[in-house]
Amino acid sequence: MNQYKPKYINNIRIIPMEPDEETIEEIQIEYFEDRLPNDEIFYFCFGKGINIEEDDLLLFQYSNHIVASAIGIKCNKTYGELSKLFKHHIILKNNSIKTFKPITQDELNIYIKRTLRNPSHFIKKNEVNNLAKFLDRLEEKR
């Protein structure tokens, strides 16, 4: 059963991640399945914060593929020791992190009504062709 319900999702945000030496499968297992569920905080280095509204669907992009998703609660500036490494962090909804077979940009474009241009794409809920089918597709790829 699909955990994400269309009526509860505000908007969609694509969160780019800097490619490293890790493969997509390694980042999915080591980060999204093992580490992130314990923290439920995603740290990142963007210069500016990202406007996250509660119940935004976050799609994490690694090596030009969507590799995981989660429901965001809010984005905050990072303070203390971690601020030397990460400027901001996103607080994620409890138990909302999912990984799946990677989704290509072409496959994503089937569902999005406009061209995605910048790295941190903001997609309004009404810019998705049939949000319920898109969410089902994410579930099928698990």
C-alpha atoms as a PDB file:
ATOM      1  CA  MET A   1       0.000   0.000   0.000  1.00  0.00           C
ATOM      2  CA  ASN A   2       1.243   3.469  -0.866  1.00  0.00           C
ATOM      3  CA  GLN A   3       2.289   5.393   2.240  1.00  0.00           C
ATOM      4  CA  TYR A   4       2.156   8.741   0.436  1.00  0.00           C
ATOM      5  CA  LYS A   5      -1.379  10.026  -0.092  1.00  0.00           C
ATOM      6  CA  PRO A   6      -1.967  12.688  -2.792  1.00  0.00           C
ATOM      7  CA  LYS A   7      -4.365  14.725  -0.664  1.00  0.00           C
ATOM      8  CA  TYR A   8      -1.731  15.105   2.074  1.00  0.00           C
ATOM      9  CA  ILE A   9       1.159  16.204  -0.172  1.00  0.00           C
ATOM     10  CA  ASN A  10       1.614  19.964  -0.534  1.00  0.00           C
ATOM     11  CA  ASN A  11       4.272  20.246  -3.236  1.00  0.00           C
ATOM     12  CA  ILE A  12       7.245  18.324  -4.569  1.00  0.00           C
ATOM     13  CA  ARG A  13      10.877  19.334  -4.206  1.00  0.00           C
ATOM     14  CA  ILE A  14      13.804  17.660  -5.952  1.00  0.00           C
ATOM     15  CA  ILE A  15      16.848  17.702  -3.669  1.00  0.00           C
ATOM     16  CA  PRO A  16      20.115  17.283  -5.593  1.00  0.00           C
ATOM     17  CA  MET A  17      22.995  15.463  -3.937  1.00  0.00           C
ATOM     18  CA  GLU A  18      26.617  15.820  -4.998  1.00  0.00           C
ATOM     19  CA  PRO A  19      27.762  12.612  -6.693  1.00  0.00           C
ATOM     20  CA  ASP A  20      30.571  10.911  -4.837  1.00  0.00           C
ATOM     21  CA  GLU A  21      32.514   7.746  -5.483  1.00  0.00           C
ATOM     22  CA  GLU A  22      29.603   5.693  -4.167  1.00  0.00           C
ATOM     23  CA  THR A  23      27.223   3.956  -6.537  1.00  0.00           C
ATOM     24  CA  ILE A  24      23.504   4.672  -6.456  1.00  0.00           C
ATOM     25  CA  GLU A  25      22.901   1.349  -4.690  1.00  0.00           C
ATOM     26  CA  GLU A  26      25.564   2.130  -2.059  1.00  0.00           C
ATOM     27  CA  ILE A  27      24.092   5.575  -1.325  1.00  0.00           C
ATOM     28  CA  GLN A  28      20.616   4.077  -1.070  1.00  0.00           C
ATOM     29  CA  ILE A  29      21.663   1.359   1.370  1.00  0.00           C
ATOM     30  CA  GLU A  30      24.300   3.152   3.443  1.00  0.00           C
ATOM     31  CA  TYR A  31      22.643   6.546   3.642  1.00  0.00           C
ATOM     32  CA  PHE A  32      18.894   6.323   3.021  1.00  0.00           C
ATOM     33  CA  GLU A  33      18.234   2.875   4.503  1.00  0.00           C
ATOM     34  CA  ASP A  34      20.823   2.651   7.291  1.00  0.00           C
ATOM     35  CA  ARG A  35      21.816   6.116   8.509  1.00  0.00           C
ATOM     36  CA  LEU A  36      19.044   8.577   7.646  1.00  0.00           C
ATOM     37  CA  PRO A  37      16.146   6.707   9.312  1.00  0.00           C
ATOM     38  CA  ASN A  38      17.978   6.987  12.641  1.00  0.00           C
ATOM     39  CA  ASP A  39      18.564  10.749  12.302  1.00  0.00           C
ATOM     40  CA  GLU A  40      15.526  11.825  10.278  1.00  0.00           C
ATOM     41  CA  ILE A  41      17.533  14.937   9.441  1.00  0.00           C
ATOM     42  CA  PHE A  42      19.044  15.477   5.987  1.00  0.00           C
ATOM     43  CA  TYR A  43      22.046  17.838   6.095  1.00  0.00           C
ATOM     44  CA  PHE A  44      23.153  19.750   3.005  1.00  0.00           C
ATOM     45  CA  CYS A  45      25.559  22.497   1.925  1.00  0.00           C
ATOM     46  CA  PHE A  46      23.465  24.773  -0.304  1.00  0.00           C
ATOM     47  CA  GLY A  47      24.229  28.440   0.247  1.00  0.00           C
ATOM     48  CA  LYS A  48      20.569  29.228   0.850  1.00  0.00           C
ATOM     49  CA  GLY A  49      18.013  27.192   2.687  1.00  0.00           C
ATOM     50  CA  ILE A  50      15.173  25.532   0.847  1.00  0.00           C
ATOM     51  CA  ASN A  51      11.600  26.524   1.558  1.00  0.00           C
ATOM     52  CA  ILE A  52      10.088  23.262   2.783  1.00  0.00           C
ATOM     53  CA  GLU A  53       6.481  23.190   3.871  1.00  0.00           C
ATOM     54  CA  GLU A  54       5.177  20.448   6.074  1.00  0.00           C
ATOM     55  CA  ASP A  55       4.114  17.454   3.959  1.00  0.00           C
ATOM     56  CA  ASP A  56       6.191  18.381   0.896  1.00  0.00           C
ATOM     57  CA  LEU A  57       7.317  15.293  -0.998  1.00  0.00           C
ATOM     58  CA  LEU A  58      11.108  15.352  -1.303  1.00  0.00           C
ATOM     59  CA  LEU A  59      12.736  13.460  -4.166  1.00  0.00           C
ATOM     60  CA  PHE A  60      16.473  12.954  -3.664  1.00  0.00           C
ATOM     61  CA  GLN A  61      18.547  13.101  -6.857  1.00  0.00           C
ATOM     62  CA  TYR A  62      21.938  11.382  -7.077  1.00  0.00           C
ATOM     63  CA  SER A  63      23.893  10.927 -10.333  1.00  0.00           C
ATOM     64  CA  ASN A  64      20.971  12.343 -12.347  1.00  0.00           C
ATOM     65  CA  HIS A  65      18.525   9.768 -10.950  1.00  0.00           C
ATOM     66  CA  ILE A  66      15.813  10.038  -8.320  1.00  0.00           C
ATOM     67  CA  VAL A  67      16.987   7.463  -5.775  1.00  0.00           C
ATOM     68  CA  ALA A  68      14.885   8.064  -2.663  1.00  0.00           C
ATOM     69  CA  SER A  69      11.972  10.029  -1.278  1.00  0.00           C
ATOM     70  CA  ALA A  70      10.720  11.330   2.053  1.00  0.00           C
ATOM     71  CA  ILE A  71       8.155  13.726   3.464  1.00  0.00           C
ATOM     72  CA  GLY A  72       9.632  17.001   4.686  1.00  0.00           C
ATOM     73  CA  ILE A  73       8.581  18.936   7.746  1.00  0.00           C
ATOM     74  CA  LYS A  74      10.815  22.027   7.540  1.00  0.00           C
ATOM     75  CA  CYS A  75      14.272  23.326   6.661  1.00  0.00           C
ATOM     76  CA  ASN A  76      16.462  24.999   9.290  1.00  0.00           C
ATOM     77  CA  LYS A  77      19.850  26.671   9.424  1.00  0.00           C
ATOM     78  CA  THR A  78      22.472  24.429  11.035  1.00  0.00           C
ATOM     79  CA  TYR A  79      24.357  25.719  14.095  1.00  0.00           C
ATOM     80  CA  GLY A  80      27.255  24.447  16.179  1.00  0.00           C
ATOM     81  CA  GLU A  81      29.981  22.099  14.995  1.00  0.00           C
ATOM     82  CA  LEU A  82      27.885  20.684  12.144  1.00  0.00           C
ATOM     83  CA  SER A  83      27.531  24.170  10.646  1.00  0.00           C
ATOM     84  CA  LYS A  84      31.180  23.934   9.551  1.00  0.00           C
ATOM     85  CA  LEU A  85      30.162  21.108   7.206  1.00  0.00           C
ATOM     86  CA  PHE A  86      26.482  21.758   6.527  1.00  0.00           C
ATOM     87  CA  LYS A  87      24.730  25.111   6.182  1.00  0.00           C
ATOM     88  CA  HIS A  88      21.170  23.782   6.499  1.00  0.00           C
ATOM     89  CA  HIS A  89      19.189  20.680   7.330  1.00  0.00           C
ATOM     90  CA  ILE A  90      15.764  19.315   6.502  1.00  0.00           C
ATOM     91  CA  ILE A  91      13.714  17.614   9.179  1.00  0.00           C
ATOM     92  CA  LEU A  92      11.912  14.590   7.761  1.00  0.00           C
ATOM     93  CA  LYS A  93       8.633  13.021   8.793  1.00  0.00           C
ATOM     94  CA  ASN A  94       9.076   9.915  10.914  1.00  0.00           C
ATOM     95  CA  ASN A  95       9.229   6.673   8.863  1.00  0.00           C
ATOM     96  CA  SER A  96       8.684   8.427   5.524  1.00  0.00           C
ATOM     97  CA  ILE A  97      12.020   7.586   3.842  1.00  0.00           C
ATOM     98  CA  LYS A  98      11.774   5.242   0.838  1.00  0.00           C
ATOM     99  CA  THR A  99      14.294   3.961  -1.673  1.00  0.00           C
ATOM    100  CA  PHE A 100      13.426   2.443  -5.028  1.00  0.00           C
ATOM    101  CA  LYS A 101      14.849   1.511  -8.399  1.00  0.00           C
ATOM    102  CA  PRO A 102      16.354   4.745  -9.727  1.00  0.00           C
ATOM    103  CA  ILE A 103      14.074   6.996 -11.772  1.00  0.00           C
ATOM    104  CA  THR A 104      15.591   8.736 -14.777  1.00  0.00           C
ATOM    105  CA  GLN A 105      14.895  12.325 -15.768  1.00  0.00           C
ATOM    106  CA  ASP A 106      12.999  11.068 -18.835  1.00  0.00           C
ATOM    107  CA  GLU A 107      10.714   8.948 -16.679  1.00  0.00           C
ATOM    108  CA  LEU A 108      10.153  11.834 -14.275  1.00  0.00           C
ATOM    109  CA  ASN A 109       9.276  14.129 -17.198  1.00  0.00           C
ATOM    110  CA  ILE A 110       6.326  11.866 -18.036  1.00  0.00           C
ATOM    111  CA  TYR A 111       4.640  13.112 -14.877  1.00  0.00           C
ATOM    112  CA  ILE A 112       5.804  16.735 -14.710  1.00  0.00           C
ATOM    113  CA  LYS A 113       3.978  19.304 -16.857  1.00  0.00           C
ATOM    114  CA  ARG A 114       6.967  21.627 -17.346  1.00  0.00           C
ATOM    115  CA  THR A 115      10.696  21.487 -18.014  1.00  0.00           C
ATOM    116  CA  LEU A 116      12.822  21.260 -14.888  1.00  0.00           C
ATOM    117  CA  ARG A 117      15.743  23.668 -15.146  1.00  0.00           C
ATOM    118  CA  ASN A 118      17.498  24.357 -11.866  1.00  0.00           C
ATOM    119  CA  PRO A 119      19.165  21.924  -9.439  1.00  0.00           C
ATOM    120  CA  SER A 120      16.648  22.291  -6.628  1.00  0.00           C
ATOM    121  CA  HIS A 121      13.402  21.960  -8.514  1.00  0.00           C
ATOM    122  CA  PHE A 122      10.186  23.118  -6.892  1.00  0.00           C
ATOM    123  CA  ILE A 123       7.134  21.477  -8.398  1.00  0.00           C
ATOM    124  CA  LYS A 124       3.652  22.581  -7.437  1.00  0.00           C
ATOM    125  CA  LYS A 125       1.217  19.787  -6.778  1.00  0.00           C
ATOM    126  CA  ASN A 126      -0.916  20.864  -9.758  1.00  0.00           C
ATOM    127  CA  GLU A 127       2.127  20.616 -12.089  1.00  0.00           C
ATOM    128  CA  VAL A 128       2.119  16.829 -11.818  1.00  0.00           C
ATOM    129  CA  ASN A 129       0.107  14.803 -14.300  1.00  0.00           C
ATOM    130  CA  ASN A 130      -2.024  12.604 -12.041  1.00  0.00           C
ATOM    131  CA  LEU A 131      -0.204  12.739  -8.710  1.00  0.00           C
ATOM    132  CA  ALA A 132      -1.820   9.490  -7.569  1.00  0.00           C
ATOM    133  CA  LYS A 133      -0.335   7.600 -10.548  1.00  0.00           C
ATOM    134  CA  PHE A 134       3.063   9.183  -9.929  1.00  0.00           C
ATOM    135  CA  LEU A 135       2.976   8.072  -6.283  1.00  0.00           C
ATOM    136  CA  ASP A 136       1.887   4.585  -7.354  1.00  0.00           C
ATOM    137  CA  ARG A 137       4.826   4.501  -9.775  1.00  0.00           C
ATOM    138  CA  LEU A 138       7.216   5.308  -6.925  1.00  0.00           C
ATOM    139  CA  GLU A 139       5.682   2.453  -4.960  1.00  0.00           C
ATOM    140  CA  GLU A 140       6.007   0.038  -7.918  1.00  0.00           C
ATOM    141  CA  LYS A 141       9.714   0.813  -8.158  1.00  0.00           C
ATOM    142  CA  ARG A 142      10.345  -0.209  -4.520  1.00  0.00           C
END
